[in-house]
């Protein structure tokens, strides 16, 4: 996705600029919102763990990563921040 968006022949750098990461996350979430209903309809009965994890990634983790710091933290809404922090923490344990 990085190569397609930024027209680069090189792979994603080890330390990409934050605005580029944010743009890629925004594109992923926006694209997912456009096709979500069709994908869910097609894979509703699928029990493959990789498909289920990908759906979870696109439904929960990517929007959380996109909104976690710039929106939730800076808004000062601490209950939402603590909820998002707990959700992010439980993803990796």
Foldseek 3Di string as FASTA:
>chain_A
DLCVVVVDPDDDDPDDDPVSVLVVLVVLLVVCVVCVVVLCVVCVPPPDPVSVVVNCCNPPVSVLVNCQPPPPVVVPPVVVNVVSVVVVVVVVD
